[in-house]
Amino acid sequence: MIYFLIITATLILSVKASACSFAPGYFEFEASPNDFEIKMDKGIIALLPAPKVTIDKVVRGSASPGSSCDDAGMIHLSIEWPKESVYPIEEIGFYFQSENGVDPDLIFPLDPVKGEIKDNTAKFFFVWLDGHPKHQKKLDFKVNIFAVNRGLQIGQPTTITIKAGKG
């Protein structure tokens, strides 16, 4: 009987260990309006510029939901921040807002986020349950991306179009 319990426990743990889990490709952005000091640029309040956004890759799911990691869709983005901005990229977060509030699969977080920063570019990836291609819809929607500083000043948006056929 004890061997049966050991084997059963081992099988359950090995199945759980093989389950798929994705960490998001972004970090929480912490605003701090009370500690924020407005920055000046040539004697005027510095505004946040529109970010330069590049869609690096869109990956669609290729398996039935829950069957493997292959049921995940991923959007990889890069945001290049202007070097001439008085706000360094380390002090900036980004809002991702689907146009008209339509986010087909709740791909983007509701709060501002930060990416992995290298030089003056932040890298992001967003993961959602996409499923098997026969159950997918084509992706074709716009996303407005706004920079935000710790004082919650929001910059001008950059609009991108996410397009991808079924996986």
Protein backbone atom coordinates (compact mmCIF):
# COMPACT_ATOMS: atom_id res chain seq x y z
CA MET A 1 0.00 0.00 0.00
CA ILE A 2 2.81 2.41 0.86
CA TYR A 3 4.40 1.80 -2.54
CA PHE A 4 1.10 2.59 -4.24
CA LEU A 5 0.91 5.94 -2.39
CA ILE A 6 4.52 6.81 -3.24
CA ILE A 7 4.01 6.00 -6.93
CA THR A 8 0.72 7.94 -7.05
CA ALA A 9 2.30 10.98 -5.35
CA THR A 10 5.26 10.84 -7.73
CA LEU A 11 2.97 10.72 -10.76
CA ILE A 12 0.87 13.63 -9.53
CA LEU A 13 3.93 15.76 -8.82
CA SER A 14 5.51 14.95 -12.17
CA VAL A 15 2.31 15.92 -14.01
CA LYS A 16 2.12 19.20 -12.07
CA ALA A 17 5.81 19.87 -12.76
CA SER A 18 5.24 19.52 -16.50
CA ALA A 19 2.39 22.06 -16.50
CA CYS A 20 3.03 25.19 -18.48
CA SER A 21 3.34 28.60 -16.89
CA PHE A 22 4.39 31.91 -18.43
CA ALA A 23 5.58 34.88 -16.44
CA PRO A 24 4.55 38.14 -18.08
CA GLY A 25 7.21 39.98 -20.06
CA TYR A 26 6.81 43.22 -18.12
CA PHE A 27 7.10 44.63 -14.62
CA GLU A 28 4.83 46.70 -12.41
CA PHE A 29 5.34 50.46 -12.74
CA GLU A 30 5.13 52.26 -9.43
CA ALA A 31 3.82 55.80 -9.57
CA SER A 32 4.69 58.15 -6.73
CA PRO A 33 2.81 61.45 -7.21
CA ASN A 34 3.67 62.70 -3.70
CA ASP A 35 7.43 62.28 -4.25
CA PHE A 36 7.44 63.41 -7.87
CA GLU A 37 9.20 66.59 -8.95
CA ILE A 38 8.20 68.14 -12.25
CA LYS A 39 11.16 68.43 -14.61
CA MET A 40 11.79 71.51 -16.67
CA ASP A 41 13.17 71.70 -20.19
CA LYS A 42 14.46 75.12 -21.28
CA GLY A 43 12.29 76.88 -18.71
CA ILE A 44 9.01 75.08 -19.44
CA ILE A 45 7.41 71.97 -17.94
CA ALA A 46 8.78 68.93 -19.76
CA LEU A 47 6.12 66.92 -21.53
CA LEU A 48 6.38 63.23 -22.30
CA PRO A 49 6.95 62.47 -25.97
CA ALA A 50 5.09 59.79 -27.89
CA PRO A 51 7.07 56.54 -27.71
CA LYS A 52 8.52 54.89 -30.81
CA VAL A 53 7.00 51.39 -30.86
CA THR A 54 8.05 48.40 -32.94
CA ILE A 55 6.14 45.12 -33.15
CA ASP A 56 8.91 42.54 -33.04
CA LYS A 57 6.82 39.38 -33.34
CA VAL A 58 3.29 38.00 -32.99
CA VAL A 59 3.04 34.28 -32.21
CA ARG A 60 -0.29 32.44 -32.35
CA GLY A 61 -1.24 29.33 -30.37
CA SER A 62 -1.03 25.98 -32.12
CA ALA A 63 -2.66 23.53 -29.69
CA SER A 64 -5.95 23.08 -27.85
CA PRO A 65 -6.26 25.14 -24.65
CA GLY A 66 -4.77 23.42 -21.62
CA SER A 67 -2.92 20.80 -23.64
CA SER A 68 0.53 22.41 -23.61
CA CYS A 69 2.39 25.69 -23.73
CA ASP A 70 1.60 25.73 -27.46
CA ASP A 71 -1.89 27.12 -26.73
CA ALA A 72 -0.42 30.53 -25.81
CA GLY A 73 -0.28 33.55 -28.06
CA MET A 74 2.48 36.13 -27.61
CA ILE A 75 3.06 39.69 -28.75
CA HIS A 76 6.63 40.99 -28.53
CA LEU A 77 7.11 44.78 -28.62
CA SER A 78 10.04 47.19 -28.35
CA ILE A 79 9.69 50.79 -27.24
CA GLU A 80 12.54 53.14 -28.03
CA TRP A 81 12.63 56.19 -25.77
CA PRO A 82 14.09 59.47 -27.08
CA LYS A 83 17.53 60.12 -25.61
CA GLU A 84 16.79 63.86 -25.50
CA SER A 85 13.88 63.40 -23.06
CA VAL A 86 14.54 64.86 -19.61
CA TYR A 87 12.85 61.75 -18.19
CA PRO A 88 15.10 58.68 -18.38
CA ILE A 89 13.40 55.49 -19.55
CA GLU A 90 13.99 53.96 -16.09
CA GLU A 91 11.49 56.52 -14.70
CA ILE A 92 8.81 55.83 -17.33
CA GLY A 93 5.98 53.32 -17.50
CA PHE A 94 3.63 52.59 -20.40
CA TYR A 95 -0.10 52.18 -20.70
CA PHE A 96 -1.34 49.79 -23.41
CA GLN A 97 -4.92 50.60 -24.27
CA SER A 98 -6.79 48.85 -27.05
CA GLU A 99 -8.64 51.30 -29.23
CA ASN A 100 -12.30 51.68 -28.28
CA GLY A 101 -11.58 49.60 -25.18
CA VAL A 102 -11.65 46.41 -27.25
CA ASP A 103 -8.98 43.93 -26.18
CA PRO A 104 -9.93 40.64 -27.81
CA ASP A 105 -8.37 38.35 -25.23
CA LEU A 106 -7.43 40.66 -22.36
CA ILE A 107 -3.89 40.70 -23.69
CA PHE A 108 -2.74 43.96 -22.10
CA PRO A 109 -2.69 44.88 -18.40
CA LEU A 110 -4.92 47.70 -17.14
CA ASP A 111 -2.15 49.41 -15.17
CA PRO A 112 1.04 50.99 -16.56
CA VAL A 113 4.01 48.64 -16.83
CA LYS A 114 7.75 48.74 -17.42
CA GLY A 115 9.73 46.54 -19.77
CA GLU A 116 13.18 45.02 -19.66
CA ILE A 117 15.46 47.96 -20.42
CA LYS A 118 18.61 47.85 -22.52
CA ASP A 119 20.16 51.13 -23.65
CA ASN A 120 17.15 53.37 -24.35
CA THR A 121 14.78 50.58 -25.37
CA ALA A 122 12.23 48.69 -23.30
CA LYS A 123 11.26 45.16 -24.40
CA PHE A 124 7.84 43.70 -23.58
CA PHE A 125 5.96 40.52 -24.31
CA PHE A 126 2.33 39.84 -23.58
CA VAL A 127 0.87 36.33 -23.31
CA TRP A 128 -2.73 35.17 -23.59
CA LEU A 129 -4.62 31.90 -23.98
CA ASP A 130 -4.98 31.70 -27.75
CA GLY A 131 -5.94 28.05 -28.26
CA HIS A 132 -5.94 25.90 -31.38
CA PRO A 133 -6.01 27.66 -34.79
CA LYS A 134 -9.45 26.24 -35.65
CA HIS A 135 -10.91 28.18 -32.68
CA GLN A 136 -8.95 31.40 -33.20
CA LYS A 137 -10.05 34.63 -34.81
CA LYS A 138 -7.68 36.73 -36.86
CA LEU A 139 -6.10 39.52 -34.88
CA ASP A 140 -6.70 42.99 -36.31
CA PHE A 141 -6.95 45.75 -33.72
CA LYS A 142 -5.26 49.00 -32.74
CA VAL A 143 -3.44 49.68 -29.49
CA ASN A 144 -2.64 53.14 -28.12
CA ILE A 145 0.56 53.25 -26.12
CA PHE A 146 1.11 56.15 -23.71
CA ALA A 147 4.18 56.96 -21.64
CA VAL A 148 3.53 57.87 -18.00
CA ASN A 149 5.93 59.27 -15.40
CA ARG A 150 5.88 58.76 -11.63
CA GLY A 151 3.77 61.90 -11.21
CA LEU A 152 1.12 60.29 -13.47
CA GLN A 153 1.66 62.79 -16.26
CA ILE A 154 0.61 61.01 -19.47
CA GLY A 155 2.27 61.66 -22.81
CA GLN A 156 0.96 61.63 -26.35
CA PRO A 157 0.03 58.17 -27.66
CA THR A 158 1.55 56.10 -30.38
CA THR A 159 -0.96 53.87 -32.14
CA ILE A 160 0.04 50.51 -33.54
CA THR A 161 -1.99 47.87 -35.36
CA ILE A 162 -1.73 44.25 -34.25
CA LYS A 163 -2.47 41.96 -37.20
CA ALA A 164 -2.02 38.23 -37.38
CA GLY A 165 -3.81 35.37 -39.06
CA LYS A 166 -4.66 32.13 -37.34
CA GLY A 167 -1.73 30.07 -36.04
